[in-house]
Amino acid sequence: MWKPLAVKNSQMDKISIDAILSGDVPAVVIKNFYDKKNCQDVVDRIKNFNTENFQNGKLKHIGPFLMAYTTKKKKYFQNTKRSQKIFDKIFLGMEKPVAEIYECIRCMSSDYSVSLAKEFKNNYSPFIIRIHKKGKSIPVHKDNVRYEGKEYCLSDIDYQLSCVLHLQESENGGDLLIYNKQWKKEDEKFRNIDFGYSSNVIESSESCKMSNFNVGDLVIMNPNYYHKVTKITGETTRITLGMFLGFYQKDSKIVTWA
């Protein structure tokens, strides 16, 4: 049975990056990774922000998402600088989750350095905060910067992982489904015009449904495997903080971005 590996903070050094990359496990969940009080403080601060500060597409979010700027590199870096001021206010005076995630990655990959991705003098966005209200969902998709981010220098990474920290969960819906099928270029015939792929692309594929997340849980997965988030049906907004990890094997280096 294809199911995620759940571990405690103290067991992070036991996590196998290779197992995540190869799909031996669909995901690793580090339970209670980030302090619950900090999660609540972050959520309260987000609620107090003027929503005009949020970037709107089909989903509200704070911070730019590189895949939405594949041909707008200048605007991506401009919005990254603008969002940093909001991030600084949200996490003012508390332990920043990014620092803790970096430490987690170092435990799993002790031979690798970990740092924020940069291009010339520009920093990439360190993470993105997604705000999923009732009725919202994310269709079947994959994340692959090597294919979709060719205008950016980090598209030359060897492989990519995804980290998602759960800051607030809805009562119902918002489940993560991961399919045991990696994207390949021939699948582009199934791509939707706006975003994601037709469900035909994962037809007959084994799946793993993850619906028992708690506030503070960190999920690490290979985003080249197709995945989706089911519709939020509870009244409480689902809020997550996400980032990607890019691995350079030759240089023993990991870079992060959103």
Protein backbone atom coordinates (compact mmCIF):
# COMPACT_ATOMS: atom_id res chain seq x y z
CA MET A 1 0.00 0.00 0.00
CA TRP A 2 1.35 3.41 -1.05
CA LYS A 3 1.20 5.64 2.02
CA PRO A 4 3.12 8.58 3.52
CA LEU A 5 5.74 8.31 6.21
CA ALA A 6 4.88 10.22 9.41
CA VAL A 7 7.76 11.13 11.73
CA LYS A 8 8.48 13.34 14.72
CA ASN A 9 10.89 16.27 14.81
CA SER A 10 13.44 14.12 16.60
CA GLN A 11 13.41 11.62 13.71
CA MET A 12 14.27 14.02 10.88
CA ASP A 13 17.70 12.51 10.37
CA LYS A 14 15.97 9.20 9.55
CA ILE A 15 14.17 10.65 6.51
CA SER A 16 15.43 9.41 3.14
CA ILE A 17 15.48 12.04 0.41
CA ASP A 18 15.92 9.24 -2.13
CA ALA A 19 12.71 7.57 -0.96
CA ILE A 20 10.76 10.79 -1.61
CA LEU A 21 12.38 11.41 -5.00
CA SER A 22 11.84 7.86 -6.22
CA GLY A 23 8.25 7.69 -5.02
CA ASP A 24 8.90 4.82 -2.60
CA VAL A 25 6.82 7.00 -0.29
CA PRO A 26 4.37 9.61 -1.65
CA ALA A 27 5.34 12.11 1.05
CA VAL A 28 6.93 12.58 4.44
CA VAL A 29 4.93 14.34 7.15
CA ILE A 30 6.85 15.82 10.08
CA LYS A 31 4.23 16.06 12.81
CA ASN A 32 4.03 19.20 14.96
CA PHE A 33 7.01 20.66 13.13
CA TYR A 34 6.18 24.32 13.83
CA ASP A 35 4.87 25.60 17.16
CA LYS A 36 1.05 25.77 17.23
CA LYS A 37 1.02 29.12 19.03
CA ASN A 38 3.26 30.59 16.34
CA CYS A 39 0.90 29.19 13.71
CA GLN A 40 -2.05 30.93 15.39
CA ASP A 41 -0.13 34.20 15.70
CA VAL A 42 0.76 34.06 11.99
CA VAL A 43 -2.85 33.37 11.04
CA ASP A 44 -4.10 36.24 13.23
CA ARG A 45 -1.64 38.64 11.60
CA ILE A 46 -2.66 37.52 8.12
CA LYS A 47 -6.32 38.16 8.98
CA ASN A 48 -5.45 41.69 10.14
CA PHE A 49 -3.80 42.57 6.83
CA ASN A 50 -5.61 44.61 4.23
CA THR A 51 -6.52 42.07 1.57
CA GLU A 52 -5.33 44.53 -1.09
CA ASN A 53 -1.84 43.40 -0.09
CA PHE A 54 -2.67 39.89 -1.29
CA GLN A 55 -2.08 38.82 -4.86
CA ASN A 56 -5.22 37.45 -6.43
CA GLY A 57 -5.71 34.81 -9.01
CA LYS A 58 -8.09 31.93 -8.55
CA LEU A 59 -6.61 31.67 -5.05
CA LYS A 60 -5.48 34.41 -2.71
CA HIS A 61 -1.87 34.33 -1.71
CA ILE A 62 0.92 36.43 -0.22
CA GLY A 63 4.12 36.45 -2.26
CA PRO A 64 4.70 35.68 -5.94
CA PHE A 65 4.69 32.15 -7.32
CA LEU A 66 7.40 31.71 -9.95
CA MET A 67 5.29 29.46 -12.19
CA ALA A 68 2.81 32.34 -12.60
CA TYR A 69 5.66 34.51 -13.95
CA THR A 70 7.30 32.16 -16.46
CA THR A 71 7.61 34.96 -19.04
CA LYS A 72 7.58 37.91 -16.63
CA LYS A 73 10.87 37.61 -14.80
CA LYS A 74 11.26 41.34 -14.04
CA LYS A 75 7.80 41.50 -12.46
CA TYR A 76 8.47 38.36 -10.42
CA PHE A 77 11.53 39.89 -8.78
CA GLN A 78 9.74 43.23 -8.26
CA ASN A 79 6.88 41.48 -6.46
CA THR A 80 9.36 39.43 -4.44
CA LYS A 81 10.86 42.62 -3.00
CA ARG A 82 7.41 44.05 -2.31
CA SER A 83 6.24 40.91 -0.53
CA GLN A 84 9.29 40.76 1.73
CA LYS A 85 7.98 43.75 3.72
CA ILE A 86 4.74 41.88 4.40
CA PHE A 87 6.60 38.71 5.38
CA ASP A 88 8.75 40.71 7.81
CA LYS A 89 5.62 42.04 9.54
CA ILE A 90 3.91 38.66 9.68
CA PHE A 91 6.87 36.94 11.36
CA LEU A 92 8.12 39.88 13.45
CA GLY A 93 9.42 38.75 16.82
CA MET A 94 8.85 35.03 16.37
CA GLU A 95 10.86 31.99 15.29
CA LYS A 96 10.71 32.02 11.50
CA PRO A 97 9.56 28.72 9.97
CA VAL A 98 12.00 29.10 7.07
CA ALA A 99 14.97 28.88 9.44
CA GLU A 100 13.50 25.73 10.97
CA ILE A 101 12.84 24.20 7.55
CA TYR A 102 16.43 24.91 6.54
CA GLU A 103 17.66 23.12 9.66
CA CYS A 104 15.36 20.20 8.88
CA ILE A 105 16.76 19.92 5.34
CA ARG A 106 20.32 20.03 6.68
CA CYS A 107 19.48 17.11 8.98
CA MET A 108 18.22 15.10 6.01
CA SER A 109 21.06 16.15 3.67
CA SER A 110 24.05 16.75 5.91
CA ASP A 111 26.50 16.97 2.99
CA TYR A 112 24.55 19.81 1.33
CA SER A 113 24.49 23.55 1.99
CA VAL A 114 21.04 25.22 2.04
CA SER A 115 20.36 28.81 0.96
CA LEU A 116 17.82 31.03 -0.77
CA ALA A 117 18.11 30.97 -4.55
CA LYS A 118 19.57 34.09 -6.17
CA GLU A 119 19.89 35.31 -9.74
CA PHE A 120 22.53 38.00 -10.14
CA LYS A 121 21.60 40.50 -7.38
CA ASN A 122 18.00 39.36 -7.07
CA ASN A 123 16.71 37.05 -4.37
CA TYR A 124 13.99 34.60 -5.28
CA SER A 125 10.83 34.63 -3.19
CA PRO A 126 11.55 32.62 -0.01
CA PHE A 127 8.05 31.12 0.21
CA ILE A 128 4.40 31.71 -0.62
CA ILE A 129 1.46 31.82 1.77
CA ARG A 130 -1.70 30.39 0.21
CA ILE A 131 -5.13 31.26 1.55
CA HIS A 132 -7.76 28.72 0.50
CA LYS A 133 -11.30 29.74 1.40
CA LYS A 134 -14.46 27.65 1.33
CA GLY A 135 -15.25 26.40 -2.18
CA LYS A 136 -11.65 26.58 -3.43
CA SER A 137 -9.62 23.65 -4.74
CA ILE A 138 -6.44 23.01 -6.72
CA PRO A 139 -6.74 20.75 -9.78
CA VAL A 140 -4.43 17.91 -10.79
CA HIS A 141 -1.02 19.40 -11.57
CA LYS A 142 2.72 18.99 -11.20
CA ASP A 143 5.50 21.45 -10.37
CA ASN A 144 8.65 21.24 -12.46
CA VAL A 145 10.83 24.34 -12.75
CA ARG A 146 13.24 22.58 -15.13
CA TYR A 147 10.46 22.45 -17.73
CA GLU A 148 8.32 25.49 -16.92
CA GLY A 149 10.91 27.95 -15.63
CA LYS A 150 13.45 27.90 -18.42
CA GLU A 151 13.93 31.68 -18.35
CA TYR A 152 15.25 31.40 -14.79
CA CYS A 153 18.76 30.29 -13.88
CA LEU A 154 17.58 27.75 -11.31
CA SER A 155 15.98 25.69 -14.07
CA ASP A 156 19.34 23.89 -14.24
CA ILE A 157 18.78 22.08 -10.92
CA ASP A 158 19.11 18.30 -10.88
CA TYR A 159 15.86 17.65 -9.06
CA GLN A 160 13.15 19.35 -7.02
CA LEU A 161 11.18 18.76 -3.83
CA SER A 162 8.26 20.65 -2.29
CA CYS A 163 7.75 21.67 1.36
CA VAL A 164 4.34 22.77 2.68
CA LEU A 165 3.76 23.94 6.24
CA HIS A 166 0.15 23.80 7.45
CA LEU A 167 -0.66 26.97 9.42
CA GLN A 168 -4.44 26.49 9.61
CA GLU A 169 -6.71 23.65 8.53
CA SER A 170 -10.36 23.72 7.49
CA GLU A 171 -12.87 21.44 9.20
CA ASN A 172 -13.65 19.62 5.97
CA GLY A 173 -12.11 19.27 2.53
CA GLY A 174 -8.68 20.49 1.51
CA ASP A 175 -7.31 16.96 1.30
CA LEU A 176 -4.04 16.37 -0.54
CA LEU A 177 -4.17 13.61 -3.16
CA ILE A 178 -0.88 12.43 -4.66
CA TYR A 179 -0.91 10.09 -7.66
CA ASN A 180 1.73 7.45 -8.25
CA LYS A 181 2.59 8.84 -11.66
CA GLN A 182 5.33 11.28 -12.59
CA TRP A 183 4.82 13.93 -15.23
CA LYS A 184 6.47 13.36 -18.62
CA LYS A 185 6.54 15.68 -21.59
CA GLU A 186 4.07 13.57 -23.58
CA ASP A 187 1.46 14.40 -20.92
CA GLU A 188 1.25 17.98 -22.15
CA LYS A 189 -1.58 16.91 -24.45
CA PHE A 190 -3.70 16.64 -21.27
CA ARG A 191 -2.89 20.15 -20.03
CA ASN A 192 -5.80 22.51 -19.34
CA ILE A 193 -5.79 25.95 -20.94
CA ASP A 194 -5.65 27.85 -17.66
CA PHE A 195 -3.96 25.57 -15.11
CA GLY A 196 -3.51 21.89 -14.33
CA TYR A 197 -4.31 18.76 -16.30
CA SER A 198 -7.32 16.73 -17.32
CA SER A 199 -8.10 13.88 -14.92
CA ASN A 200 -7.37 11.56 -17.86
CA VAL A 201 -3.67 12.03 -17.19
CA ILE A 202 -3.91 10.10 -13.90
CA GLU A 203 -6.50 7.56 -15.00
CA SER A 204 -5.93 4.17 -13.29
CA SER A 205 -3.02 5.57 -11.26
CA GLU A 206 -2.68 4.56 -7.63
CA SER A 207 -3.28 7.47 -5.28
CA CYS A 208 -2.63 8.46 -1.71
CA LYS A 209 -5.18 10.64 0.12
CA MET A 210 -3.83 12.72 3.00
CA SER A 211 -6.56 14.27 5.11
CA ASN A 212 -5.32 14.17 8.69
CA PHE A 213 -3.01 17.19 8.77
CA ASN A 214 -2.68 19.13 12.00
CA VAL A 215 -1.67 22.72 12.51
CA GLY A 216 2.14 22.86 12.42
CA ASP A 217 2.66 19.75 10.25
CA LEU A 218 5.29 19.96 7.50
CA VAL A 219 4.81 17.92 4.31
CA ILE A 220 7.71 17.11 1.97
CA MET A 221 7.02 15.51 -1.43
CA ASN A 222 8.27 15.19 -4.98
CA PRO A 223 6.05 17.67 -6.89
CA ASN A 224 6.76 16.03 -10.24
CA TYR A 225 4.23 13.41 -9.14
CA TYR A 226 0.75 14.56 -10.04
CA HIS A 227 -1.20 15.94 -7.09
CA LYS A 228 -4.25 18.03 -6.22
CA VAL A 229 -6.08 19.59 -3.28
CA THR A 230 -9.79 18.80 -2.92
CA LYS A 231 -12.43 21.47 -2.49
CA ILE A 232 -12.60 23.23 0.88
CA THR A 233 -16.05 22.54 2.34
CA GLY A 234 -15.48 23.70 5.93
CA GLU A 235 -15.98 27.28 7.09
CA THR A 236 -12.40 27.75 8.31
CA THR A 237 -9.88 28.94 5.73
CA ARG A 238 -7.00 26.60 4.89
CA ILE A 239 -3.69 28.48 5.11
CA THR A 240 -0.31 27.04 4.13
CA LEU A 241 3.27 28.22 3.65
CA GLY A 242 5.07 26.60 0.74
CA MET A 243 8.51 26.53 -0.85
CA PHE A 244 10.53 24.41 -3.23
CA LEU A 245 13.96 22.84 -2.80
CA GLY A 246 16.30 22.59 -5.76
CA PHE A 247 19.23 20.15 -5.57
CA TYR A 248 22.60 20.60 -7.31
CA GLN A 249 24.31 17.26 -6.84
CA LYS A 250 27.76 18.20 -8.17
CA ASP A 251 28.02 21.25 -5.91
CA SER A 252 26.30 19.58 -2.91
CA LYS A 253 24.00 22.59 -2.75
CA ILE A 254 20.27 23.07 -2.12
CA VAL A 255 18.53 26.32 -3.09
CA THR A 256 15.02 27.34 -2.08
CA TRP A 257 12.33 29.46 -3.75
CA ALA A 258 8.62 29.87 -4.34
